[in-house]
Amino acid sequence: MANETKWSILVTGGAGYVGSVLVPKLLQDGHKVTVLDLYLYGDAVLAPARGHPNLREIKGDLRDPATVARALEGCDAVIHLACISNDPSYDLDPHLGKSINYDAFRPLVRAAKRAGVRRFVYASSSSVYGVKEGIEVTEDLTLEPLTDYSKFKALCEAELLAERAPGFVVCIVRPATVCGYAPRQRLDVVVNILTNLAVNTGRIKVFGGTQKRPNIHIEDMADLYRHILDQPDARIDGKIWNAGYENHTLLELAEIVKAVVGGDLAVEIHPTNDPRSYHVSSEKMRRELGFVPSHTIEDAVRGLVAALKDGRLPNSLDDPHYFNIKMMQKLNLS
């Protein structure tokens, strides 16, 4: 049975894509929330929640121990979302990526323990599996990460499990590709890319087409973290779950977008040198946590179409704020 604990939660990366949906929900649930983020995508992301008595925002760097210590004050739970997200952004500056995604990780975990945190939830990635063609990708498969981004995600998982201790409950989520509308919008992930192109160019470009890509709606992703917070320690301690919903080929995703957007849309098939294809199973999440996603790819597309058409996402083809790699290039972080 779920408990009714009200947590004081540090959400690292709380002004990012998933964080921008999650943080308002946590406040609505009655939790206290501290956000630690560089706010690379602007200070307005959490503006609607600003001034909430249970929200504390710290604009700072995860790599700075004093900032981390300040952010952890009074917190008894951590949801660690912050990272240089996805391979292209990571590869722009591997030293930067490693410093944020890996080097800062164990110091954060140990600082959390010192601060009295009782629960630590880590957002890993389904990319840790590497290529697993023709089989259901379940949590007990060997990890074969192919890139530095995914290798460091896998290493962080191992380090978190090594820090597990009585009174310090840890768990790991391996999300599929997240899709849908958020206050801090990303338009560089597959469903969102296809929808943006469909609405604004009248064409959908698909590279390859037969590759399967697992997706999960951003509302479900945020709700999963909330659901985990509500579980008793014994149900989540030391556990790892895939977090996905629908596994479609790229061509199927394009057809879903075409059907929702409507009109005379052309679907263009282009060759690709990226044949990666995988089918992620989220059965363990359903079985052990009782969490079943409730938002479809169609829902994600509809939400994005509405936002693209009503002015919430201006200049959506060119503004770097929607594209991690363009923003990283623009900011030249170090």
C-alpha atoms as a PDB file:
ATOM      1  CA  MET A   1       0.000   0.000   0.000  1.00  0.00           C
ATOM      2  CA  ALA A   2       1.237   3.511  -0.821  1.00  0.00           C
ATOM      3  CA  ASN A   3       2.199   5.746   2.062  1.00  0.00           C
ATOM      4  CA  GLU A   4       1.321   9.376   2.532  1.00  0.00           C
ATOM      5  CA  THR A   5       4.773  10.730   3.391  1.00  0.00           C
ATOM      6  CA  LYS A   6       5.346  14.370   2.547  1.00  0.00           C
ATOM      7  CA  TRP A   7       8.949  14.652   1.456  1.00  0.00           C
ATOM      8  CA  SER A   8      11.389  17.500   1.273  1.00  0.00           C
ATOM      9  CA  ILE A   9      12.866  16.752  -2.143  1.00  0.00           C
ATOM     10  CA  LEU A  10      15.921  18.003  -3.972  1.00  0.00           C
ATOM     11  CA  VAL A  11      15.281  17.778  -7.720  1.00  0.00           C
ATOM     12  CA  THR A  12      18.547  18.263  -9.584  1.00  0.00           C
ATOM     13  CA  GLY A  13      17.866  19.490 -13.111  1.00  0.00           C
ATOM     14  CA  GLY A  14      14.423  20.589 -11.944  1.00  0.00           C
ATOM     15  CA  ALA A  15      14.267  23.307 -14.616  1.00  0.00           C
ATOM     16  CA  GLY A  16      14.892  20.797 -17.422  1.00  0.00           C
ATOM     17  CA  TYR A  17      12.462  19.007 -19.734  1.00  0.00           C
ATOM     18  CA  VAL A  18      11.119  16.433 -17.269  1.00  0.00           C
ATOM     19  CA  GLY A  19      11.726  18.642 -14.225  1.00  0.00           C
ATOM     20  CA  SER A  20       9.557  21.426 -15.598  1.00  0.00           C
ATOM     21  CA  VAL A  21       6.567  19.049 -15.528  1.00  0.00           C
ATOM     22  CA  LEU A  22       7.549  17.161 -12.360  1.00  0.00           C
ATOM     23  CA  VAL A  23       8.245  20.073  -9.984  1.00  0.00           C
ATOM     24  CA  PRO A  24       4.750  21.648 -10.167  1.00  0.00           C
ATOM     25  CA  LYS A  25       3.203  18.194  -9.633  1.00  0.00           C
ATOM     26  CA  LEU A  26       5.333  17.574  -6.530  1.00  0.00           C
ATOM     27  CA  LEU A  27       4.275  20.926  -5.091  1.00  0.00           C
ATOM     28  CA  GLN A  28       0.654  20.089  -5.857  1.00  0.00           C
ATOM     29  CA  ASP A  29       1.144  16.809  -3.941  1.00  0.00           C
ATOM     30  CA  GLY A  30       2.169  18.773  -0.852  1.00  0.00           C
ATOM     31  CA  HIS A  31       5.908  18.050  -0.922  1.00  0.00           C
ATOM     32  CA  LYS A  32       8.587  20.653  -0.323  1.00  0.00           C
ATOM     33  CA  VAL A  33      10.834  21.022  -3.365  1.00  0.00           C
ATOM     34  CA  THR A  34      14.326  22.416  -3.827  1.00  0.00           C
ATOM     35  CA  VAL A  35      15.457  22.813  -7.433  1.00  0.00           C
ATOM     36  CA  LEU A  36      19.173  22.860  -8.220  1.00  0.00           C
ATOM     37  CA  ASP A  37      19.754  23.813 -11.834  1.00  0.00           C
ATOM     38  CA  LEU A  38      21.940  26.009 -14.024  1.00  0.00           C
ATOM     39  CA  TYR A  39      18.777  27.358 -15.712  1.00  0.00           C
ATOM     40  CA  LEU A  40      20.450  27.178 -19.115  1.00  0.00           C
ATOM     41  CA  TYR A  41      17.065  27.361 -20.804  1.00  0.00           C
ATOM     42  CA  GLY A  42      15.927  30.469 -18.985  1.00  0.00           C
ATOM     43  CA  ASP A  43      14.560  31.510 -15.618  1.00  0.00           C
ATOM     44  CA  ALA A  44      10.951  31.488 -16.828  1.00  0.00           C
ATOM     45  CA  VAL A  45      10.638  27.683 -16.928  1.00  0.00           C
ATOM     46  CA  LEU A  46       9.297  27.433 -13.374  1.00  0.00           C
ATOM     47  CA  ALA A  47       7.790  30.937 -13.276  1.00  0.00           C
ATOM     48  CA  PRO A  48       4.192  29.758 -12.641  1.00  0.00           C
ATOM     49  CA  ALA A  49       5.338  27.982  -9.452  1.00  0.00           C
ATOM     50  CA  ARG A  50       7.648  30.760  -8.294  1.00  0.00           C
ATOM     51  CA  GLY A  51       6.564  32.199  -4.990  1.00  0.00           C
ATOM     52  CA  HIS A  52       5.043  28.895  -3.853  1.00  0.00           C
ATOM     53  CA  PRO A  53       5.845  28.586  -0.130  1.00  0.00           C
ATOM     54  CA  ASN A  54       7.191  25.042  -0.609  1.00  0.00           C
ATOM     55  CA  LEU A  55       9.496  25.862  -3.541  1.00  0.00           C
ATOM     56  CA  ARG A  56      13.148  26.810  -3.140  1.00  0.00           C
ATOM     57  CA  GLU A  57      15.229  27.488  -6.260  1.00  0.00           C
ATOM     58  CA  ILE A  58      19.012  27.413  -6.341  1.00  0.00           C
ATOM     59  CA  LYS A  59      20.734  28.505  -9.516  1.00  0.00           C
ATOM     60  CA  GLY A  60      24.035  26.728  -9.325  1.00  0.00           C
ATOM     61  CA  ASP A  61      26.405  24.029 -10.479  1.00  0.00           C
ATOM     62  CA  LEU A  62      26.094  20.399  -9.422  1.00  0.00           C
ATOM     63  CA  ARG A  63      29.900  20.211  -9.495  1.00  0.00           C
ATOM     64  CA  ASP A  64      30.309  22.740  -6.668  1.00  0.00           C
ATOM     65  CA  PRO A  65      30.277  20.989  -3.262  1.00  0.00           C
ATOM     66  CA  ALA A  66      29.215  24.098  -1.328  1.00  0.00           C
ATOM     67  CA  THR A  67      26.238  24.642  -3.654  1.00  0.00           C
ATOM     68  CA  VAL A  68      25.239  20.991  -3.367  1.00  0.00           C
ATOM     69  CA  ALA A  69      25.471  21.119   0.441  1.00  0.00           C
ATOM     70  CA  ARG A  70      23.243  24.213   0.509  1.00  0.00           C
ATOM     71  CA  ALA A  71      20.714  22.577  -1.832  1.00  0.00           C
ATOM     72  CA  LEU A  72      20.548  19.454   0.351  1.00  0.00           C
ATOM     73  CA  GLU A  73      19.830  21.333   3.588  1.00  0.00           C
ATOM     74  CA  GLY A  74      16.625  19.996   5.111  1.00  0.00           C
ATOM     75  CA  CYS A  75      16.034  17.476   2.300  1.00  0.00           C
ATOM     76  CA  ASP A  76      15.162  13.836   2.943  1.00  0.00           C
ATOM     77  CA  ALA A  77      14.795  12.722  -0.706  1.00  0.00           C
ATOM     78  CA  VAL A  78      16.639  13.333  -3.979  1.00  0.00           C
ATOM     79  CA  ILE A  79      15.416  12.872  -7.545  1.00  0.00           C
ATOM     80  CA  HIS A  80      18.547  13.214  -9.662  1.00  0.00           C
ATOM     81  CA  LEU A  81      17.621  14.321 -13.189  1.00  0.00           C
ATOM     82  CA  ALA A  82      20.511  16.688 -13.964  1.00  0.00           C
ATOM     83  CA  CYS A  83      22.890  15.671 -16.735  1.00  0.00           C
ATOM     84  CA  ILE A  84      24.203  16.622 -20.133  1.00  0.00           C
ATOM     85  CA  SER A  85      21.442  14.780 -21.920  1.00  0.00           C
ATOM     86  CA  ASN A  86      21.883  12.506 -24.926  1.00  0.00           C
ATOM     87  CA  ASP A  87      24.882  11.466 -26.996  1.00  0.00           C
ATOM     88  CA  PRO A  88      25.240  14.453 -29.385  1.00  0.00           C
ATOM     89  CA  SER A  89      25.163  16.999 -26.548  1.00  0.00           C
ATOM     90  CA  TYR A  90      27.607  14.917 -24.532  1.00  0.00           C
ATOM     91  CA  ASP A  91      29.964  14.471 -27.482  1.00  0.00           C
ATOM     92  CA  LEU A  92      30.227  18.238 -28.021  1.00  0.00           C
ATOM     93  CA  ASP A  93      32.464  18.417 -24.966  1.00  0.00           C
ATOM     94  CA  PRO A  94      33.218  14.990 -23.475  1.00  0.00           C
ATOM     95  CA  HIS A  95      35.208  16.528 -20.611  1.00  0.00           C
ATOM     96  CA  LEU A  96      32.233  18.682 -19.621  1.00  0.00           C
ATOM     97  CA  GLY A  97      29.849  15.745 -19.982  1.00  0.00           C
ATOM     98  CA  LYS A  98      31.985  13.492 -17.793  1.00  0.00           C
ATOM     99  CA  SER A  99      32.430  16.195 -15.148  1.00  0.00           C
ATOM    100  CA  ILE A 100      28.651  16.670 -14.771  1.00  0.00           C
ATOM    101  CA  ASN A 101      27.280  13.221 -15.545  1.00  0.00           C
ATOM    102  CA  TYR A 102      29.880  11.109 -13.742  1.00  0.00           C
ATOM    103  CA  ASP A 103      32.514  12.951 -11.711  1.00  0.00           C
ATOM    104  CA  ALA A 104      29.892  14.904  -9.746  1.00  0.00           C
ATOM    105  CA  PHE A 105      27.699  11.861  -9.119  1.00  0.00           C
ATOM    106  CA  ARG A 106      29.283  10.015  -6.218  1.00  0.00           C
ATOM    107  CA  PRO A 107      30.085  13.247  -4.351  1.00  0.00           C
ATOM    108  CA  LEU A 108      26.382  14.139  -4.676  1.00  0.00           C
ATOM    109  CA  VAL A 109      25.284  10.736  -3.367  1.00  0.00           C
ATOM    110  CA  ARG A 110      27.677  10.913  -0.407  1.00  0.00           C
ATOM    111  CA  ALA A 111      26.685  14.503   0.363  1.00  0.00           C
ATOM    112  CA  ALA A 112      23.051  13.366   0.344  1.00  0.00           C
ATOM    113  CA  LYS A 113      23.839  10.640   2.872  1.00  0.00           C
ATOM    114  CA  ARG A 114      25.666  13.116   5.114  1.00  0.00           C
ATOM    115  CA  ALA A 115      22.713  15.499   4.911  1.00  0.00           C
ATOM    116  CA  GLY A 116      20.306  12.850   6.186  1.00  0.00           C
ATOM    117  CA  VAL A 117      18.613  12.028   2.868  1.00  0.00           C
ATOM    118  CA  ARG A 118      16.666   8.775   3.205  1.00  0.00           C
ATOM    119  CA  ARG A 119      15.735   8.150  -0.426  1.00  0.00           C
ATOM    120  CA  PHE A 120      17.672   8.681  -3.667  1.00  0.00           C
ATOM    121  CA  VAL A 121      16.040   8.149  -7.081  1.00  0.00           C
ATOM    122  CA  TYR A 122      18.353   8.177 -10.112  1.00  0.00           C
ATOM    123  CA  ALA A 123      17.272   8.871 -13.695  1.00  0.00           C
ATOM    124  CA  SER A 124      19.503   6.636 -15.790  1.00  0.00           C
ATOM    125  CA  SER A 125      18.726   5.765 -19.434  1.00  0.00           C
ATOM    126  CA  SER A 126      17.528   2.838 -21.508  1.00  0.00           C
ATOM    127  CA  SER A 127      20.622   3.481 -23.679  1.00  0.00           C
ATOM    128  CA  VAL A 128      22.706   1.533 -21.101  1.00  0.00           C
ATOM    129  CA  TYR A 129      21.616  -1.706 -22.813  1.00  0.00           C
ATOM    130  CA  GLY A 130      23.294  -0.915 -26.127  1.00  0.00           C
ATOM    131  CA  VAL A 131      21.850  -2.701 -29.171  1.00  0.00           C
ATOM    132  CA  LYS A 132      19.589  -5.637 -28.311  1.00  0.00           C
ATOM    133  CA  GLU A 133      17.887  -6.609 -31.543  1.00  0.00           C
ATOM    134  CA  GLY A 134      15.062  -9.087 -31.809  1.00  0.00           C
ATOM    135  CA  ILE A 135      14.499  -9.504 -28.061  1.00  0.00           C
ATOM    136  CA  GLU A 136      12.524  -7.882 -25.293  1.00  0.00           C
ATOM    137  CA  VAL A 137      14.891  -5.609 -23.376  1.00  0.00           C
ATOM    138  CA  THR A 138      14.359  -6.456 -19.714  1.00  0.00           C
ATOM    139  CA  GLU A 139      16.212  -5.216 -16.640  1.00  0.00           C
ATOM    140  CA  ASP A 140      18.149  -8.460 -16.165  1.00  0.00           C
ATOM    141  CA  LEU A 141      19.978  -8.206 -19.505  1.00  0.00           C
ATOM    142  CA  THR A 142      23.682  -7.417 -19.567  1.00  0.00           C
ATOM    143  CA  LEU A 143      24.488  -3.738 -19.987  1.00  0.00           C
ATOM    144  CA  GLU A 144      26.478  -3.030 -23.148  1.00  0.00           C
ATOM    145  CA  PRO A 145      26.602   0.772 -23.411  1.00  0.00           C
ATOM    146  CA  LEU A 146      28.014   1.946 -26.716  1.00  0.00           C
ATOM    147  CA  THR A 147      28.780   5.604 -26.007  1.00  0.00           C
ATOM    148  CA  ASP A 148      30.444   7.586 -23.247  1.00  0.00           C
ATOM    149  CA  TYR A 149      27.066   9.072 -22.322  1.00  0.00           C
ATOM    150  CA  SER A 150      25.529   5.652 -21.703  1.00  0.00           C
ATOM    151  CA  LYS A 151      28.721   4.167 -20.178  1.00  0.00           C
ATOM    152  CA  PHE A 152      28.740   6.827 -17.482  1.00  0.00           C
ATOM    153  CA  LYS A 153      25.016   6.326 -16.861  1.00  0.00           C
ATOM    154  CA  ALA A 154      25.761   2.626 -16.230  1.00  0.00           C
ATOM    155  CA  LEU A 155      28.718   3.436 -13.971  1.00  0.00           C
ATOM    156  CA  CYS A 156      26.579   5.816 -11.916  1.00  0.00           C
ATOM    157  CA  GLU A 157      24.028   3.049 -11.429  1.00  0.00           C
ATOM    158  CA  ALA A 158      26.729   0.766 -10.003  1.00  0.00           C
ATOM    159  CA  GLU A 159      28.056   3.522  -7.741  1.00  0.00           C
ATOM    160  CA  LEU A 160      24.602   4.331  -6.392  1.00  0.00           C
ATOM    161  CA  LEU A 161      23.907   0.678  -5.571  1.00  0.00           C
ATOM    162  CA  ALA A 162      27.302   0.481  -3.829  1.00  0.00           C
ATOM    163  CA  GLU A 163      26.302   3.416  -1.592  1.00  0.00           C
ATOM    164  CA  ARG A 164      23.020   1.783  -0.584  1.00  0.00           C
ATOM    165  CA  ALA A 165      22.816   1.389   3.198  1.00  0.00           C
ATOM    166  CA  PRO A 166      20.240   0.932   5.964  1.00  0.00           C
ATOM    167  CA  GLY A 167      18.262   4.168   6.089  1.00  0.00           C
ATOM    168  CA  PHE A 168      19.529   5.214   2.638  1.00  0.00           C
ATOM    169  CA  VAL A 169      17.091   3.733   0.120  1.00  0.00           C
ATOM    170  CA  VAL A 170      18.119   3.924  -3.547  1.00  0.00           C
ATOM    171  CA  CYS A 171      16.446   3.039  -6.830  1.00  0.00           C
ATOM    172  CA  ILE A 172      17.103   3.516 -10.532  1.00  0.00           C
ATOM    173  CA  VAL A 173      14.798   4.363 -13.424  1.00  0.00           C
ATOM    174  CA  ARG A 174      15.843   3.721 -17.036  1.00  0.00           C
ATOM    175  CA  PRO A 175      13.542   5.952 -19.104  1.00  0.00           C
ATOM    176  CA  ALA A 176      12.690   5.363 -22.726  1.00  0.00           C
ATOM    177  CA  THR A 177      12.655   8.451 -24.959  1.00  0.00           C
ATOM    178  CA  VAL A 178      10.371  11.039 -23.409  1.00  0.00           C
ATOM    179  CA  CYS A 179       7.876  12.873 -25.610  1.00  0.00           C
ATOM    180  CA  GLY A 180       5.193  15.537 -25.317  1.00  0.00           C
ATOM    181  CA  TYR A 181       4.772  19.164 -24.295  1.00  0.00           C
ATOM    182  CA  ALA A 182       6.592  20.736 -21.337  1.00  0.00           C
ATOM    183  CA  PRO A 183       7.283  24.281 -20.142  1.00  0.00           C
ATOM    184  CA  ARG A 184      10.966  23.598 -20.930  1.00  0.00           C
ATOM    185  CA  GLN A 185      10.336  22.108 -24.332  1.00  0.00           C
ATOM    186  CA  ARG A 186      12.688  19.781 -26.173  1.00  0.00           C
ATOM    187  CA  LEU A 187      12.190  19.453 -29.921  1.00  0.00           C
ATOM    188  CA  ASP A 188      15.222  17.226 -30.490  1.00  0.00           C
ATOM    189  CA  VAL A 189      13.674  13.869 -29.517  1.00  0.00           C
ATOM    190  CA  VAL A 190      11.973  11.712 -32.083  1.00  0.00           C
ATOM    191  CA  VAL A 191       8.204  12.197 -31.624  1.00  0.00           C
ATOM    192  CA  ASN A 192       8.669  15.903 -30.922  1.00  0.00           C
ATOM    193  CA  ILE A 193      10.945  16.314 -33.966  1.00  0.00           C
ATOM    194  CA  LEU A 194       8.438  14.647 -36.290  1.00  0.00           C
ATOM    195  CA  THR A 195       5.544  16.721 -34.937  1.00  0.00           C
ATOM    196  CA  ASN A 196       7.428  20.015 -35.223  1.00  0.00           C
ATOM    197  CA  LEU A 197       8.338  19.220 -38.848  1.00  0.00           C
ATOM    198  CA  ALA A 198       4.803  18.127 -39.703  1.00  0.00           C
ATOM    199  CA  VAL A 199       3.181  21.291 -38.342  1.00  0.00           C
ATOM    200  CA  ASN A 200       5.744  23.762 -39.643  1.00  0.00           C
ATOM    201  CA  THR A 201       7.029  22.310 -42.927  1.00  0.00           C
ATOM    202  CA  GLY A 202       4.230  19.985 -44.097  1.00  0.00           C
ATOM    203  CA  ARG A 203       6.787  17.182 -44.445  1.00  0.00           C
ATOM    204  CA  ILE A 204       7.956  14.429 -42.111  1.00  0.00           C
ATOM    205  CA  LYS A 205      11.462  13.133 -42.663  1.00  0.00           C
ATOM    206  CA  VAL A 206      12.193   9.611 -41.463  1.00  0.00           C
ATOM    207  CA  PHE A 207      15.741   8.285 -41.437  1.00  0.00           C
ATOM    208  CA  GLY A 208      15.534   4.540 -41.949  1.00  0.00           C
ATOM    209  CA  GLY A 209      12.068   3.627 -40.721  1.00  0.00           C
ATOM    210  CA  THR A 210      12.153   0.046 -39.507  1.00  0.00           C
ATOM    211  CA  GLN A 211      14.086   0.809 -36.285  1.00  0.00           C
ATOM    212  CA  LYS A 212      12.002   0.448 -33.141  1.00  0.00           C
ATOM    213  CA  ARG A 213      12.102   3.273 -30.615  1.00  0.00           C
ATOM    214  CA  PRO A 214      10.502   3.068 -27.158  1.00  0.00           C
ATOM    215  CA  ASN A 215       8.738   6.203 -25.934  1.00  0.00           C
ATOM    216  CA  ILE A 216       6.993   7.447 -22.807  1.00  0.00           C
ATOM    217  CA  HIS A 217       4.809  10.548 -22.435  1.00  0.00           C
ATOM    218  CA  ILE A 218       6.336  13.243 -20.231  1.00  0.00           C
ATOM    219  CA  GLU A 219       3.255  13.328 -17.987  1.00  0.00           C
ATOM    220  CA  ASP A 220       3.674   9.603 -17.292  1.00  0.00           C
ATOM    221  CA  MET A 221       7.393  10.067 -16.687  1.00  0.00           C
ATOM    222  CA  ALA A 222       6.700  12.704 -14.045  1.00  0.00           C
ATOM    223  CA  ASP A 223       3.902  10.620 -12.532  1.00  0.00           C
ATOM    224  CA  LEU A 224       6.219   7.619 -12.185  1.00  0.00           C
ATOM    225  CA  TYR A 225       8.596   9.619  -9.976  1.00  0.00           C
ATOM    226  CA  ARG A 226       5.637  10.718  -7.860  1.00  0.00           C
ATOM    227  CA  HIS A 227       4.463   7.111  -7.635  1.00  0.00           C
ATOM    228  CA  ILE A 228       7.921   5.957  -6.484  1.00  0.00           C
ATOM    229  CA  LEU A 229       7.913   8.556  -3.705  1.00  0.00           C
ATOM    230  CA  ASP A 230       4.641   7.079  -2.434  1.00  0.00           C
ATOM    231  CA  GLN A 231       5.965   3.512  -2.194  1.00  0.00           C
ATOM    232  CA  PRO A 232       7.222   1.902   1.027  1.00  0.00           C
ATOM    233  CA  ASP A 233      11.001   1.473   1.302  1.00  0.00           C
ATOM    234  CA  ALA A 234      10.958  -2.289   0.884  1.00  0.00           C
ATOM    235  CA  ARG A 235       9.215  -2.089  -2.481  1.00  0.00           C
ATOM    236  CA  ILE A 236      11.814   0.157  -4.106  1.00  0.00           C
ATOM    237  CA  ASP A 237      15.139  -0.299  -2.289  1.00  0.00           C
ATOM    238  CA  GLY A 238      17.911  -1.406  -4.639  1.00  0.00           C
ATOM    239  CA  LYS A 239      15.475  -1.830  -7.527  1.00  0.00           C
ATOM    240  CA  ILE A 240      15.857  -0.910 -11.195  1.00  0.00           C
ATOM    241  CA  TRP A 241      12.981  -0.371 -13.639  1.00  0.00           C
ATOM    242  CA  ASN A 242      12.663   0.381 -17.318  1.00  0.00           C
ATOM    243  CA  ALA A 243      10.195   3.209 -17.865  1.00  0.00           C
ATOM    244  CA  GLY A 244       8.562   3.044 -21.270  1.00  0.00           C
ATOM    245  CA  TYR A 245       5.147   2.575 -22.761  1.00  0.00           C
ATOM    246  CA  GLU A 246       4.882   2.108 -26.514  1.00  0.00           C
ATOM    247  CA  ASN A 247       7.463   0.567 -28.831  1.00  0.00           C
ATOM    248  CA  HIS A 248       6.927   1.719 -32.411  1.00  0.00           C
ATOM    249  CA  THR A 249       9.087   1.788 -35.528  1.00  0.00           C
ATOM    250  CA  LEU A 250      10.110   5.224 -36.736  1.00  0.00           C
ATOM    251  CA  LEU A 251       7.776   4.820 -39.717  1.00  0.00           C
ATOM    252  CA  GLU A 252       4.881   3.944 -37.392  1.00  0.00           C
ATOM    253  CA  LEU A 253       5.642   7.055 -35.328  1.00  0.00           C
ATOM    254  CA  ALA A 254       5.592   9.136 -38.504  1.00  0.00           C
ATOM    255  CA  GLU A 255       2.204   7.676 -39.458  1.00  0.00           C
ATOM    256  CA  ILE A 256       0.805   8.476 -35.987  1.00  0.00           C
ATOM    257  CA  VAL A 257       2.008  12.077 -36.340  1.00  0.00           C
ATOM    258  CA  LYS A 258       0.546  12.281 -39.846  1.00  0.00           C
ATOM    259  CA  ALA A 259      -2.842  10.998 -38.651  1.00  0.00           C
ATOM    260  CA  VAL A 260      -3.026  13.446 -35.724  1.00  0.00           C
ATOM    261  CA  VAL A 261      -1.756  16.524 -37.588  1.00  0.00           C
ATOM    262  CA  GLY A 262      -3.929  15.798 -40.628  1.00  0.00           C
ATOM    263  CA  GLY A 263      -3.791  17.515 -43.982  1.00  0.00           C
ATOM    264  CA  ASP A 264      -1.749  16.503 -46.992  1.00  0.00           C
ATOM    265  CA  LEU A 265       1.506  15.606 -45.216  1.00  0.00           C
ATOM    266  CA  ALA A 266       4.342  13.973 -47.097  1.00  0.00           C
ATOM    267  CA  VAL A 267       6.390  11.294 -45.312  1.00  0.00           C
ATOM    268  CA  GLU A 268       9.920  11.199 -46.769  1.00  0.00           C
ATOM    269  CA  ILE A 269      12.107   8.141 -46.153  1.00  0.00           C
ATOM    270  CA  HIS A 270      15.860   8.798 -46.097  1.00  0.00           C
ATOM    271  CA  PRO A 271      18.731   6.324 -45.683  1.00  0.00           C
ATOM    272  CA  THR A 272      20.464   6.175 -42.306  1.00  0.00           C
ATOM    273  CA  ASN A 273      23.702   4.895 -40.824  1.00  0.00           C
ATOM    274  CA  ASP A 274      21.982   4.447 -37.454  1.00  0.00           C
ATOM    275  CA  PRO A 275      20.252   1.051 -37.556  1.00  0.00           C
ATOM    276  CA  ARG A 276      19.777   0.814 -33.750  1.00  0.00           C
ATOM    277  CA  SER A 277      16.524  -0.890 -32.924  1.00  0.00           C
ATOM    278  CA  TYR A 278      15.249  -2.068 -29.556  1.00  0.00           C
ATOM    279  CA  HIS A 279      12.037  -3.067 -27.820  1.00  0.00           C
ATOM    280  CA  VAL A 280      12.044  -2.074 -24.158  1.00  0.00           C
ATOM    281  CA  SER A 281       9.869  -4.058 -21.763  1.00  0.00           C
ATOM    282  CA  SER A 282       8.314  -2.113 -18.877  1.00  0.00           C
ATOM    283  CA  GLU A 283       6.500  -5.140 -17.473  1.00  0.00           C
ATOM    284  CA  LYS A 284       8.588  -5.105 -14.280  1.00  0.00           C
ATOM    285  CA  MET A 285       7.483  -1.524 -13.559  1.00  0.00           C
ATOM    286  CA  ARG A 286       3.853  -2.609 -13.929  1.00  0.00           C
ATOM    287  CA  ARG A 287       4.304  -5.788 -11.889  1.00  0.00           C
ATOM    288  CA  GLU A 288       6.388  -4.468  -8.991  1.00  0.00           C
ATOM    289  CA  LEU A 289       5.184  -0.887  -8.739  1.00  0.00           C
ATOM    290  CA  GLY A 290       1.690  -1.195 -10.154  1.00  0.00           C
ATOM    291  CA  PHE A 291       2.416   1.758 -12.413  1.00  0.00           C
ATOM    292  CA  VAL A 292       0.846   1.724 -15.870  1.00  0.00           C
ATOM    293  CA  PRO A 293       1.352   4.725 -18.202  1.00  0.00           C
ATOM    294  CA  SER A 294      -1.906   6.263 -19.361  1.00  0.00           C
ATOM    295  CA  HIS A 295      -0.834   8.721 -22.075  1.00  0.00           C
ATOM    296  CA  THR A 296      -0.354   7.611 -25.683  1.00  0.00           C
ATOM    297  CA  ILE A 297       1.928   8.834 -28.472  1.00  0.00           C
ATOM    298  CA  GLU A 298      -1.211  10.373 -30.005  1.00  0.00           C
ATOM    299  CA  ASP A 299      -1.706  12.341 -26.767  1.00  0.00           C
ATOM    300  CA  ALA A 300       1.872  13.616 -26.974  1.00  0.00           C
ATOM    301  CA  VAL A 301       1.421  14.692 -30.594  1.00  0.00           C
ATOM    302  CA  ARG A 302      -1.896  16.409 -29.849  1.00  0.00           C
ATOM    303  CA  GLY A 303      -0.353  18.341 -26.948  1.00  0.00           C
ATOM    304  CA  LEU A 304       2.567  19.465 -29.081  1.00  0.00           C
ATOM    305  CA  VAL A 305       0.347  20.469 -31.999  1.00  0.00           C
ATOM    306  CA  ALA A 306      -1.750  22.623 -29.666  1.00  0.00           C
ATOM    307  CA  ALA A 307       1.355  24.304 -28.224  1.00  0.00           C
ATOM    308  CA  LEU A 308       2.862  24.870 -31.678  1.00  0.00           C
ATOM    309  CA  LYS A 309      -0.350  26.435 -32.960  1.00  0.00           C
ATOM    310  CA  ASP A 310      -1.304  28.593 -29.964  1.00  0.00           C
ATOM    311  CA  GLY A 311       2.007  30.409 -29.677  1.00  0.00           C
ATOM    312  CA  ARG A 312       3.550  28.617 -26.691  1.00  0.00           C
ATOM    313  CA  LEU A 313       6.451  27.413 -28.863  1.00  0.00           C
ATOM    314  CA  PRO A 314       7.466  30.350 -31.062  1.00  0.00           C
ATOM    315  CA  ASN A 315      10.206  30.009 -33.671  1.00  0.00           C
ATOM    316  CA  SER A 316      10.208  26.269 -33.056  1.00  0.00           C
ATOM    317  CA  LEU A 317      12.376  25.303 -36.018  1.00  0.00           C
ATOM    318  CA  ASP A 318      15.275  27.610 -35.157  1.00  0.00           C
ATOM    319  CA  ASP A 319      15.312  28.745 -31.514  1.00  0.00           C
ATOM    320  CA  PRO A 320      18.268  27.028 -29.766  1.00  0.00           C
ATOM    321  CA  HIS A 321      16.260  26.779 -26.531  1.00  0.00           C
ATOM    322  CA  TYR A 322      14.427  23.766 -27.949  1.00  0.00           C
ATOM    323  CA  PHE A 323      17.549  21.900 -29.043  1.00  0.00           C
ATOM    324  CA  ASN A 324      20.087  20.775 -26.453  1.00  0.00           C
ATOM    325  CA  ILE A 325      23.020  20.602 -28.826  1.00  0.00           C
ATOM    326  CA  LYS A 326      22.370  24.077 -30.300  1.00  0.00           C
ATOM    327  CA  MET A 327      22.091  25.552 -26.816  1.00  0.00           C
ATOM    328  CA  MET A 328      25.320  23.879 -25.681  1.00  0.00           C
ATOM    329  CA  GLN A 329      27.095  25.295 -28.738  1.00  0.00           C
ATOM    330  CA  LYS A 330      25.677  28.758 -28.069  1.00  0.00           C
ATOM    331  CA  LEU A 331      26.597  28.825 -24.380  1.00  0.00           C
ATOM    332  CA  ASN A 332      30.038  27.234 -24.666  1.00  0.00           C
ATOM    333  CA  LEU A 333      29.859  25.854 -21.127  1.00  0.00           C
ATOM    334  CA  SER A 334      32.932  24.561 -19.351  1.00  0.00           C
END
